[in-house]
Protein backbone atom coordinates (compact mmCIF):
# COMPACT_ATOMS: atom_id res chain seq x y z
CA UNK A 1 0.00 0.00 0.00
CA UNK A 2 1.65 3.20 -1.19
CA UNK A 3 0.77 6.88 -0.72
CA UNK A 4 0.93 8.94 -3.92
CA UNK A 5 0.92 12.74 -3.52
CA UNK A 6 -1.07 13.33 -6.72
CA UNK A 7 -4.68 12.75 -7.77
CA UNK A 8 -5.28 9.16 -8.91
CA UNK A 9 -7.90 7.64 -11.19
CA UNK A 10 -8.43 4.38 -13.03
CA UNK A 11 -6.07 3.80 -15.93
CA UNK A 12 -2.31 3.99 -16.42
CA UNK A 13 -0.07 6.26 -14.36
CA UNK A 14 3.64 7.00 -14.02
CA UNK A 15 4.56 7.12 -10.34
CA UNK A 16 6.69 9.90 -8.78
CA UNK A 17 10.42 9.23 -8.67
CA UNK A 18 10.61 8.61 -4.90
CA UNK A 19 7.89 5.94 -4.96
CA UNK A 20 9.32 4.48 -8.18
CA UNK A 21 12.73 4.10 -6.52
CA UNK A 22 11.20 2.45 -3.45
CA UNK A 23 9.07 0.02 -5.48
CA UNK A 24 11.73 -0.83 -8.06
CA UNK A 25 15.00 -0.73 -6.13
CA UNK A 26 14.16 -1.24 -2.45
CA UNK A 27 11.28 -3.73 -2.71
CA UNK A 28 12.50 -5.09 -6.07
CA UNK A 29 8.98 -5.48 -7.38
CA UNK A 30 8.58 -6.63 -10.98
CA UNK A 31 6.08 -6.06 -13.79
CA UNK A 32 2.89 -7.97 -13.09
CA UNK A 33 3.10 -7.55 -9.31
CA UNK A 34 -0.07 -6.31 -7.60
CA UNK A 35 -0.05 -2.87 -5.94
CA UNK A 36 -2.46 -0.82 -3.88
CA UNK A 37 -2.23 2.99 -4.00
CA UNK A 38 -4.01 5.81 -2.19
CA UNK A 39 -3.88 9.57 -2.62
CA UNK A 40 -5.38 10.94 0.59
CA UNK A 41 -8.80 11.67 -0.94
CA UNK A 42 -10.43 8.66 0.70
CA UNK A 43 -10.20 6.45 -2.38
CA UNK A 44 -7.82 3.52 -2.80
CA UNK A 45 -6.86 1.84 -6.04
CA UNK A 46 -5.67 -1.66 -6.91
CA UNK A 47 -3.75 -2.54 -10.00
CA UNK A 48 -0.55 -4.03 -11.28
CA UNK A 49 2.87 -2.86 -12.33
CA UNK A 50 3.33 -2.53 -16.09
CA UNK A 51 6.95 -1.31 -16.28
CA UNK A 52 9.68 -1.05 -13.65
CA UNK A 53 12.77 0.98 -14.57
CA UNK A 54 15.63 2.60 -12.66
CA UNK A 55 13.74 5.85 -12.05
CA UNK A 56 10.28 5.15 -13.46
CA UNK A 57 7.42 2.84 -12.63
CA UNK A 58 4.25 2.60 -14.71
CA UNK A 59 1.16 1.14 -13.08
CA UNK A 60 -2.28 0.20 -14.40
CA UNK A 61 -5.07 0.86 -11.89
CA UNK A 62 -8.19 -1.20 -12.55
CA UNK A 63 -10.18 -1.14 -9.30
CA UNK A 64 -11.23 1.76 -7.05
CA UNK A 65 -12.81 1.44 -3.61
CA UNK A 66 -13.41 3.52 -0.48
CA UNK A 67 -10.39 3.45 1.78
CA UNK A 68 -10.43 2.58 5.45
CA UNK A 69 -9.59 5.75 7.40
CA UNK A 70 -9.04 4.20 10.83
CA UNK A 71 -6.71 1.35 11.63
CA UNK A 72 -8.41 -1.81 12.90
CA UNK A 73 -5.54 -2.26 15.37
CA UNK A 74 -5.85 -1.12 18.97
CA UNK A 75 -2.66 0.18 20.60
CA UNK A 76 -1.97 0.17 24.34
CA UNK A 77 1.08 2.03 25.66
CA UNK A 78 2.65 1.45 29.03
CA UNK A 79 5.58 2.99 30.86
CA UNK A 80 7.50 1.47 33.70
CA UNK A 81 8.47 4.04 36.34
CA UNK A 82 11.72 3.56 38.22
CA UNK A 83 12.44 4.80 41.71
CA UNK A 84 14.05 8.11 42.58
CA UNK A 85 15.88 10.24 40.05
CA UNK A 86 16.52 7.49 37.50
CA UNK A 87 13.89 8.92 35.15
CA UNK A 88 16.13 11.90 34.26
PDB file of N, CA and C in Angstrom:
ATOM      1  N   UNK A   1       0.872  -1.164   0.000  1.00  0.00           N
ATOM      2  CA  UNK A   1       0.000   0.000   0.000  1.00  0.00           C
ATOM      3  C   UNK A   1       0.915   1.221   0.000  1.00  0.00           C
ATOM      4  N   UNK A   2       0.757   2.068  -1.014  1.00  0.00           N
ATOM      5  CA  UNK A   2       1.653   3.202  -1.194  1.00  0.00           C
ATOM      6  C   UNK A   2       0.860   4.498  -1.289  1.00  0.00           C
ATOM      7  N   UNK A   3       1.364   5.554  -0.619  1.00  0.00           N
ATOM      8  CA  UNK A   3       0.765   6.881  -0.718  1.00  0.00           C
ATOM      9  C   UNK A   3       1.369   7.597  -1.917  1.00  0.00           C
ATOM     10  N   UNK A   4       0.498   8.169  -2.760  1.00  0.00           N
ATOM     11  CA  UNK A   4       0.928   8.943  -3.918  1.00  0.00           C
ATOM     12  C   UNK A   4       0.402  10.358  -3.738  1.00  0.00           C
ATOM     13  N   UNK A   5       1.296  11.338  -3.746  1.00  0.00           N
ATOM     14  CA  UNK A   5       0.917  12.736  -3.520  1.00  0.00           C
ATOM     15  C   UNK A   5       0.494  13.395  -4.835  1.00  0.00           C
ATOM     16  N   UNK A   6      -0.496  12.802  -5.470  1.00  0.00           N
ATOM     17  CA  UNK A   6      -1.067  13.328  -6.717  1.00  0.00           C
ATOM     18  C   UNK A   6      -2.438  12.683  -6.886  1.00  0.00           C
ATOM     19  N   UNK A   7      -3.356  13.355  -7.561  1.00  0.00           N
ATOM     20  CA  UNK A   7      -4.676  12.747  -7.771  1.00  0.00           C
ATOM     21  C   UNK A   7      -4.562  11.466  -8.601  1.00  0.00           C
ATOM     22  N   UNK A   8      -5.291  10.434  -8.196  1.00  0.00           N
ATOM     23  CA  UNK A   8      -5.284   9.164  -8.907  1.00  0.00           C
ATOM     24  C   UNK A   8      -6.644   8.910  -9.536  1.00  0.00           C
ATOM     25  N   UNK A   9      -6.669   8.093 -10.547  1.00  0.00           N
ATOM     26  CA  UNK A   9      -7.904   7.642 -11.187  1.00  0.00           C
ATOM     27  C   UNK A   9      -7.605   6.299 -11.839  1.00  0.00           C
ATOM     28  N   UNK A  10      -8.640   5.645 -12.337  1.00  0.00           N
ATOM     29  CA  UNK A  10      -8.433   4.379 -13.027  1.00  0.00           C
ATOM     30  C   UNK A  10      -7.667   4.624 -14.318  1.00  0.00           C
ATOM     31  N   UNK A  11      -6.865   3.668 -14.719  1.00  0.00           N
ATOM     32  CA  UNK A  11      -6.067   3.796 -15.934  1.00  0.00           C
ATOM     33  C   UNK A  11      -4.584   3.666 -15.631  1.00  0.00           C
ATOM     34  N   UNK A  12      -3.758   4.098 -16.565  1.00  0.00           N
ATOM     35  CA  UNK A  12      -2.309   3.986 -16.425  1.00  0.00           C
ATOM     36  C   UNK A  12      -1.713   5.280 -15.873  1.00  0.00           C
ATOM     37  N   UNK A  13      -0.722   5.112 -14.991  1.00  0.00           N
ATOM     38  CA  UNK A  13      -0.065   6.258 -14.355  1.00  0.00           C
ATOM     39  C   UNK A  13       1.427   5.988 -14.231  1.00  0.00           C
ATOM     40  N   UNK A  14       2.223   7.045 -14.357  1.00  0.00           N
ATOM     41  CA  UNK A  14       3.641   7.000 -14.018  1.00  0.00           C
ATOM     42  C   UNK A  14       3.765   7.504 -12.589  1.00  0.00           C
ATOM     43  N   UNK A  15       4.439   6.745 -11.747  1.00  0.00           N
ATOM     44  CA  UNK A  15       4.564   7.117 -10.341  1.00  0.00           C
ATOM     45  C   UNK A  15       5.696   8.120 -10.150  1.00  0.00           C
ATOM     46  N   UNK A  16       5.601   8.954  -9.092  1.00  0.00           N
ATOM     47  CA  UNK A  16       6.687   9.900  -8.784  1.00  0.00           C
ATOM     48  C   UNK A  16       8.002   9.156  -8.532  1.00  0.00           C
ATOM     49  N   UNK A  17       9.103   9.855  -8.730  1.00  0.00           N
ATOM     50  CA  UNK A  17      10.424   9.230  -8.668  1.00  0.00           C
ATOM     51  C   UNK A  17      10.717   8.568  -7.322  1.00  0.00           C
ATOM     52  N   UNK A  18      10.321   9.188  -6.218  1.00  0.00           N
ATOM     53  CA  UNK A  18      10.607   8.609  -4.897  1.00  0.00           C
ATOM     54  C   UNK A  18       9.899   7.266  -4.723  1.00  0.00           C
ATOM     55  N   UNK A  19       8.631   7.192  -5.082  1.00  0.00           N
ATOM     56  CA  UNK A  19       7.891   5.940  -4.964  1.00  0.00           C
ATOM     57  C   UNK A  19       8.402   4.914  -5.979  1.00  0.00           C
ATOM     58  N   UNK A  20       8.777   5.386  -7.163  1.00  0.00           N
ATOM     59  CA  UNK A  20       9.318   4.482  -8.178  1.00  0.00           C
ATOM     60  C   UNK A  20      10.614   3.842  -7.686  1.00  0.00           C
ATOM     61  N   UNK A  21      11.478   4.629  -7.076  1.00  0.00           N
ATOM     62  CA  UNK A  21      12.725   4.096  -6.523  1.00  0.00           C
ATOM     63  C   UNK A  21      12.436   3.056  -5.445  1.00  0.00           C
ATOM     64  N   UNK A  22      11.514   3.366  -4.543  1.00  0.00           N
ATOM     65  CA  UNK A  22      11.196   2.447  -3.448  1.00  0.00           C
ATOM     66  C   UNK A  22      10.621   1.132  -3.978  1.00  0.00           C
ATOM     67  N   UNK A  23       9.697   1.223  -4.927  1.00  0.00           N
ATOM     68  CA  UNK A  23       9.069   0.017  -5.482  1.00  0.00           C
ATOM     69  C   UNK A  23      10.070  -0.794  -6.307  1.00  0.00           C
ATOM     70  N   UNK A  24      10.836  -0.120  -7.144  1.00  0.00           N
ATOM     71  CA  UNK A  24      11.730  -0.827  -8.056  1.00  0.00           C
ATOM     72  C   UNK A  24      13.042  -1.273  -7.460  1.00  0.00           C
ATOM     73  N   UNK A  25      13.665  -0.425  -6.637  1.00  0.00           N
ATOM     74  CA  UNK A  25      15.001  -0.729  -6.130  1.00  0.00           C
ATOM     75  C   UNK A  25      15.003  -1.302  -4.712  1.00  0.00           C
ATOM     76  N   UNK A  26      14.160  -0.775  -3.842  1.00  0.00           N
ATOM     77  CA  UNK A  26      14.159  -1.242  -2.453  1.00  0.00           C
ATOM     78  C   UNK A  26      13.364  -2.539  -2.327  1.00  0.00           C
ATOM     79  N   UNK A  27      12.120  -2.531  -2.806  1.00  0.00           N
ATOM     80  CA  UNK A  27      11.278  -3.725  -2.708  1.00  0.00           C
ATOM     81  C   UNK A  27      11.523  -4.713  -3.846  1.00  0.00           C
ATOM     82  N   UNK A  28      12.185  -4.260  -4.908  1.00  0.00           N
ATOM     83  CA  UNK A  28      12.496  -5.090  -6.073  1.00  0.00           C
ATOM     84  C   UNK A  28      11.259  -5.761  -6.662  1.00  0.00           C
ATOM     85  N   UNK A  29      10.196  -4.975  -6.764  1.00  0.00           N
ATOM     86  CA  UNK A  29       8.979  -5.484  -7.382  1.00  0.00           C
ATOM     87  C   UNK A  29       9.185  -5.546  -8.895  1.00  0.00           C
ATOM     88  N   UNK A  30       8.416  -6.400  -9.551  1.00  0.00           N
ATOM     89  CA  UNK A  30       8.581  -6.633 -10.984  1.00  0.00           C
ATOM     90  C   UNK A  30       7.268  -6.391 -11.713  1.00  0.00           C
ATOM     91  N   UNK A  31       7.327  -6.197 -13.026  1.00  0.00           N
ATOM     92  CA  UNK A  31       6.083  -6.057 -13.793  1.00  0.00           C
ATOM     93  C   UNK A  31       5.158  -7.248 -13.551  1.00  0.00           C
ATOM     94  N   UNK A  32       3.877  -6.942 -13.384  1.00  0.00           N
ATOM     95  CA  UNK A  32       2.887  -7.973 -13.093  1.00  0.00           C
ATOM     96  C   UNK A  32       2.546  -8.082 -11.621  1.00  0.00           C
ATOM     97  N   UNK A  33       3.385  -7.513 -10.743  1.00  0.00           N
ATOM     98  CA  UNK A  33       3.098  -7.549  -9.306  1.00  0.00           C
ATOM     99  C   UNK A  33       1.906  -6.655  -8.986  1.00  0.00           C
ATOM    100  N   UNK A  34       1.104  -7.075  -8.027  1.00  0.00           N
ATOM    101  CA  UNK A  34      -0.067  -6.308  -7.602  1.00  0.00           C
ATOM    102  C   UNK A  34       0.359  -5.177  -6.677  1.00  0.00           C
ATOM    103  N   UNK A  35      -0.305  -4.023  -6.811  1.00  0.00           N
ATOM    104  CA  UNK A  35      -0.048  -2.874  -5.943  1.00  0.00           C
ATOM    105  C   UNK A  35      -1.370  -2.269  -5.497  1.00  0.00           C
ATOM    106  N   UNK A  36      -1.311  -1.568  -4.383  1.00  0.00           N
ATOM    107  CA  UNK A  36      -2.462  -0.820  -3.875  1.00  0.00           C
ATOM    108  C   UNK A  36      -1.975   0.586  -3.562  1.00  0.00           C
ATOM    109  N   UNK A  37      -2.627   1.592  -4.155  1.00  0.00           N
ATOM    110  CA  UNK A  37      -2.227   2.987  -4.003  1.00  0.00           C
ATOM    111  C   UNK A  37      -3.358   3.794  -3.399  1.00  0.00           C
ATOM    112  N   UNK A  38      -3.008   4.859  -2.664  1.00  0.00           N
ATOM    113  CA  UNK A  38      -4.014   5.806  -2.186  1.00  0.00           C
ATOM    114  C   UNK A  38      -3.431   7.203  -2.276  1.00  0.00           C
ATOM    115  N   UNK A  39      -4.333   8.194  -2.415  1.00  0.00           N
ATOM    116  CA  UNK A  39      -3.880   9.569  -2.621  1.00  0.00           C
ATOM    117  C   UNK A  39      -4.362  10.538  -1.554  1.00  0.00           C
ATOM    118  N   UNK A  40      -4.931  10.067  -0.487  1.00  0.00           N
ATOM    119  CA  UNK A  40      -5.382  10.942   0.586  1.00  0.00           C
ATOM    120  C   UNK A  40      -6.771  11.500   0.388  1.00  0.00           C
ATOM    121  N   UNK A  41      -7.447  11.168  -0.693  1.00  0.00           N
ATOM    122  CA  UNK A  41      -8.801  11.675  -0.943  1.00  0.00           C
ATOM    123  C   UNK A  41      -9.876  10.736  -0.406  1.00  0.00           C
ATOM    124  N   UNK A  42      -9.476   9.630   0.195  1.00  0.00           N
ATOM    125  CA  UNK A  42     -10.434   8.657   0.703  1.00  0.00           C
ATOM    126  C   UNK A  42     -10.632   7.472  -0.223  1.00  0.00           C
ATOM    127  N   UNK A  43     -10.100   7.553  -1.427  1.00  0.00           N
ATOM    128  CA  UNK A  43     -10.195   6.450  -2.382  1.00  0.00           C
ATOM    129  C   UNK A  43      -8.885   5.668  -2.398  1.00  0.00           C
ATOM    130  N   UNK A  44      -8.991   4.372  -2.597  1.00  0.00           N
ATOM    131  CA  UNK A  44      -7.823   3.525  -2.795  1.00  0.00           C
ATOM    132  C   UNK A  44      -7.980   2.817  -4.126  1.00  0.00           C
ATOM    133  N   UNK A  45      -6.859   2.435  -4.709  1.00  0.00           N
ATOM    134  CA  UNK A  45      -6.858   1.838  -6.042  1.00  0.00           C
ATOM    135  C   UNK A  45      -5.979   0.602  -6.042  1.00  0.00           C
ATOM    136  N   UNK A  46      -6.460  -0.443  -6.720  1.00  0.00           N
ATOM    137  CA  UNK A  46      -5.673  -1.657  -6.907  1.00  0.00           C
ATOM    138  C   UNK A  46      -5.330  -1.789  -8.378  1.00  0.00           C
ATOM    139  N   UNK A  47      -4.173  -2.339  -8.621  1.00  0.00           N
ATOM    140  CA  UNK A  47      -3.753  -2.545  -9.997  1.00  0.00           C
ATOM    141  C   UNK A  47      -2.496  -3.376 -10.035  1.00  0.00           C
ATOM    142  N   UNK A  48      -1.791  -3.276 -11.148  1.00  0.00           N
ATOM    143  CA  UNK A  48      -0.552  -4.030 -11.283  1.00  0.00           C
ATOM    144  C   UNK A  48       0.506  -3.183 -11.976  1.00  0.00           C
ATOM    145  N   UNK A  49       1.747  -3.563 -11.732  1.00  0.00           N
ATOM    146  CA  UNK A  49       2.869  -2.855 -12.334  1.00  0.00           C
ATOM    147  C   UNK A  49       2.996  -3.258 -13.799  1.00  0.00           C
ATOM    148  N   UNK A  50       3.141  -2.265 -14.661  1.00  0.00           N
ATOM    149  CA  UNK A  50       3.332  -2.527 -16.086  1.00  0.00           C
ATOM    150  C   UNK A  50       4.806  -2.503 -16.455  1.00  0.00           C
ATOM    151  N   UNK A  51       5.525  -1.475 -15.981  1.00  0.00           N
ATOM    152  CA  UNK A  51       6.950  -1.307 -16.278  1.00  0.00           C
ATOM    153  C   UNK A  51       7.668  -0.892 -15.001  1.00  0.00           C
ATOM    154  N   UNK A  52       8.850  -1.437 -14.796  1.00  0.00           N
ATOM    155  CA  UNK A  52       9.680  -1.053 -13.655  1.00  0.00           C
ATOM    156  C   UNK A  52      11.070  -0.743 -14.189  1.00  0.00           C
ATOM    157  N   UNK A  53      11.455   0.546 -14.112  1.00  0.00           N
ATOM    158  CA  UNK A  53      12.772   0.980 -14.567  1.00  0.00           C
ATOM    159  C   UNK A  53      13.590   1.505 -13.405  1.00  0.00           C
ATOM    160  N   UNK A  54      14.762   2.078 -13.710  1.00  0.00           N
ATOM    161  CA  UNK A  54      15.626   2.603 -12.656  1.00  0.00           C
ATOM    162  C   UNK A  54      14.991   3.781 -11.927  1.00  0.00           C
ATOM    163  N   UNK A  55      14.338   4.674 -12.674  1.00  0.00           N
ATOM    164  CA  UNK A  55      13.740   5.854 -12.049  1.00  0.00           C
ATOM    165  C   UNK A  55      12.265   5.998 -12.368  1.00  0.00           C
ATOM    166  N   UNK A  56      11.695   5.046 -13.081  1.00  0.00           N
ATOM    167  CA  UNK A  56      10.285   5.151 -13.458  1.00  0.00           C
ATOM    168  C   UNK A  56       9.555   3.842 -13.194  1.00  0.00           C
ATOM    169  N   UNK A  57       8.313   3.984 -12.788  1.00  0.00           N
ATOM    170  CA  UNK A  57       7.419   2.839 -12.628  1.00  0.00           C
ATOM    171  C   UNK A  57       6.081   3.236 -13.230  1.00  0.00           C
ATOM    172  N   UNK A  58       5.562   2.379 -14.088  1.00  0.00           N
ATOM    173  CA  UNK A  58       4.252   2.604 -14.705  1.00  0.00           C
ATOM    174  C   UNK A  58       3.309   1.548 -14.155  1.00  0.00           C
ATOM    175  N   UNK A  59       2.130   2.024 -13.718  1.00  0.00           N
ATOM    176  CA  UNK A  59       1.157   1.141 -13.085  1.00  0.00           C
ATOM    177  C   UNK A  59      -0.186   1.280 -13.791  1.00  0.00           C
ATOM    178  N   UNK A  60      -0.927   0.190 -13.859  1.00  0.00           N
ATOM    179  CA  UNK A  60      -2.284   0.196 -14.403  1.00  0.00           C
ATOM    180  C   UNK A  60      -3.245  -0.037 -13.247  1.00  0.00           C
ATOM    181  N   UNK A  61      -4.101   0.958 -12.977  1.00  0.00           N
ATOM    182  CA  UNK A  61      -5.071   0.856 -11.887  1.00  0.00           C
ATOM    183  C   UNK A  61      -6.411   0.438 -12.474  1.00  0.00           C
ATOM    184  N   UNK A  62      -6.957  -0.673 -11.975  1.00  0.00           N
ATOM    185  CA  UNK A  62      -8.187  -1.200 -12.552  1.00  0.00           C
ATOM    186  C   UNK A  62      -9.337  -1.338 -11.568  1.00  0.00           C
ATOM    187  N   UNK A  63      -9.115  -1.020 -10.297  1.00  0.00           N
ATOM    188  CA  UNK A  63     -10.183  -1.137  -9.304  1.00  0.00           C
ATOM    189  C   UNK A  63     -10.063   0.003  -8.296  1.00  0.00           C
ATOM    190  N   UNK A  64     -11.188   0.687  -8.044  1.00  0.00           N
ATOM    191  CA  UNK A  64     -11.231   1.764  -7.047  1.00  0.00           C
ATOM    192  C   UNK A  64     -12.222   1.377  -5.963  1.00  0.00           C
ATOM    193  N   UNK A  65     -11.910   1.731  -4.719  1.00  0.00           N
ATOM    194  CA  UNK A  65     -12.813   1.444  -3.609  1.00  0.00           C
ATOM    195  C   UNK A  65     -12.567   2.455  -2.504  1.00  0.00           C
ATOM    196  N   UNK A  66     -13.537   2.581  -1.604  1.00  0.00           N
ATOM    197  CA  UNK A  66     -13.411   3.517  -0.480  1.00  0.00           C
ATOM    198  C   UNK A  66     -12.366   2.987   0.490  1.00  0.00           C
ATOM    199  N   UNK A  67     -11.448   3.846   0.871  1.00  0.00           N
ATOM    200  CA  UNK A  67     -10.389   3.452   1.782  1.00  0.00           C
ATOM    201  C   UNK A  67     -10.856   3.419   3.221  1.00  0.00           C
ATOM    202  N   UNK A  68     -10.126   2.682   4.029  1.00  0.00           N
ATOM    203  CA  UNK A  68     -10.427   2.578   5.452  1.00  0.00           C
ATOM    204  C   UNK A  68      -9.603   3.636   6.183  1.00  0.00           C
ATOM    205  N   UNK A  69     -10.280   4.624   6.773  1.00  0.00           N
ATOM    206  CA  UNK A  69      -9.592   5.750   7.403  1.00  0.00           C
ATOM    207  C   UNK A  69      -8.931   5.367   8.723  1.00  0.00           C
ATOM    208  N   UNK A  70      -9.577   4.566   9.525  1.00  0.00           N
ATOM    209  CA  UNK A  70      -9.043   4.203  10.833  1.00  0.00           C
ATOM    210  C   UNK A  70      -8.428   2.815  10.791  1.00  0.00           C
ATOM    211  N   UNK A  71      -7.364   2.650  11.537  1.00  0.00           N
ATOM    212  CA  UNK A  71      -6.715   1.353  11.630  1.00  0.00           C
ATOM    213  C   UNK A  71      -7.564   0.405  12.471  1.00  0.00           C
ATOM    214  N   UNK A  72      -7.661  -0.849  12.091  1.00  0.00           N
ATOM    215  CA  UNK A  72      -8.413  -1.808  12.896  1.00  0.00           C
ATOM    216  C   UNK A  72      -7.628  -2.270  14.123  1.00  0.00           C
ATOM    217  N   UNK A  73      -6.379  -1.851  14.245  1.00  0.00           N
ATOM    218  CA  UNK A  73      -5.541  -2.258  15.368  1.00  0.00           C
ATOM    219  C   UNK A  73      -5.748  -1.327  16.556  1.00  0.00           C
ATOM    220  N   UNK A  74      -5.756  -1.897  17.744  1.00  0.00           N
ATOM    221  CA  UNK A  74      -5.852  -1.117  18.973  1.00  0.00           C
ATOM    222  C   UNK A  74      -4.476  -1.125  19.635  1.00  0.00           C
ATOM    223  N   UNK A  75      -3.992   0.046  20.022  1.00  0.00           N
ATOM    224  CA  UNK A  75      -2.662   0.176  20.599  1.00  0.00           C
ATOM    225  C   UNK A  75      -2.786   0.554  22.067  1.00  0.00           C
ATOM    226  N   UNK A  76      -2.033  -0.141  22.912  1.00  0.00           N
ATOM    227  CA  UNK A  76      -1.968   0.170  24.339  1.00  0.00           C
ATOM    228  C   UNK A  76      -0.511   0.477  24.674  1.00  0.00           C
ATOM    229  N   UNK A  77      -0.271   1.637  25.266  1.00  0.00           N
ATOM    230  CA  UNK A  77       1.076   2.027  25.660  1.00  0.00           C
ATOM    231  C   UNK A  77       1.213   1.931  27.166  1.00  0.00           C
ATOM    232  N   UNK A  78       2.372   1.524  27.607  1.00  0.00           N
ATOM    233  CA  UNK A  78       2.649   1.454  29.034  1.00  0.00           C
ATOM    234  C   UNK A  78       4.052   1.966  29.302  1.00  0.00           C
ATOM    235  N   UNK A  79       4.262   2.499  30.487  1.00  0.00           N
ATOM    236  CA  UNK A  79       5.582   2.992  30.856  1.00  0.00           C
ATOM    237  C   UNK A  79       5.897   2.506  32.252  1.00  0.00           C
ATOM    238  N   UNK A  80       7.041   1.899  32.387  1.00  0.00           N
ATOM    239  CA  UNK A  80       7.497   1.467  33.700  1.00  0.00           C
ATOM    240  C   UNK A  80       8.234   2.606  34.390  1.00  0.00           C
ATOM    241  N   UNK A  81       7.835   2.942  35.592  1.00  0.00           N
ATOM    242  CA  UNK A  81       8.467   4.035  36.340  1.00  0.00           C
ATOM    243  C   UNK A  81       9.490   3.458  37.307  1.00  0.00           C
ATOM    244  N   UNK A  82      10.694   4.007  37.277  1.00  0.00           N
ATOM    245  CA  UNK A  82      11.719   3.564  38.217  1.00  0.00           C
ATOM    246  C   UNK A  82      11.716   4.478  39.438  1.00  0.00           C
ATOM    247  N   UNK A  83      12.407   4.032  40.465  1.00  0.00           N
ATOM    248  CA  UNK A  83      12.437   4.803  41.706  1.00  0.00           C
ATOM    249  C   UNK A  83      13.398   5.988  41.611  1.00  0.00           C
ATOM    250  N   UNK A  84      13.130   6.985  42.403  1.00  0.00           N
ATOM    251  CA  UNK A  84      14.047   8.106  42.577  1.00  0.00           C
ATOM    252  C   UNK A  84      14.264   8.936  41.331  1.00  0.00           C
ATOM    253  N   UNK A  85      15.527   9.325  41.125  1.00  0.00           N
ATOM    254  CA  UNK A  85      15.881  10.242  40.050  1.00  0.00           C
ATOM    255  C   UNK A  85      16.345   9.508  38.790  1.00  0.00           C
ATOM    256  N   UNK A  86      16.067   8.265  38.659  1.00  0.00           N
ATOM    257  CA  UNK A  86      16.521   7.490  37.504  1.00  0.00           C
ATOM    258  C   UNK A  86      15.764   7.831  36.227  1.00  0.00           C
ATOM    259  N   UNK A  87      14.674   8.567  36.324  1.00  0.00           N
ATOM    260  CA  UNK A  87      13.892   8.922  35.146  1.00  0.00           C
ATOM    261  C   UNK A  87      14.464  10.139  34.420  1.00  0.00           C
ATOM    262  N   UNK A  88      15.549  10.723  34.904  1.00  0.00           N
ATOM    263  CA  UNK A  88      16.134  11.896  34.255  1.00  0.00           C
ATOM    264  C   UNK A  88      16.692  11.495  32.983  1.00  0.00           C
TER     265      UNK A  88
END
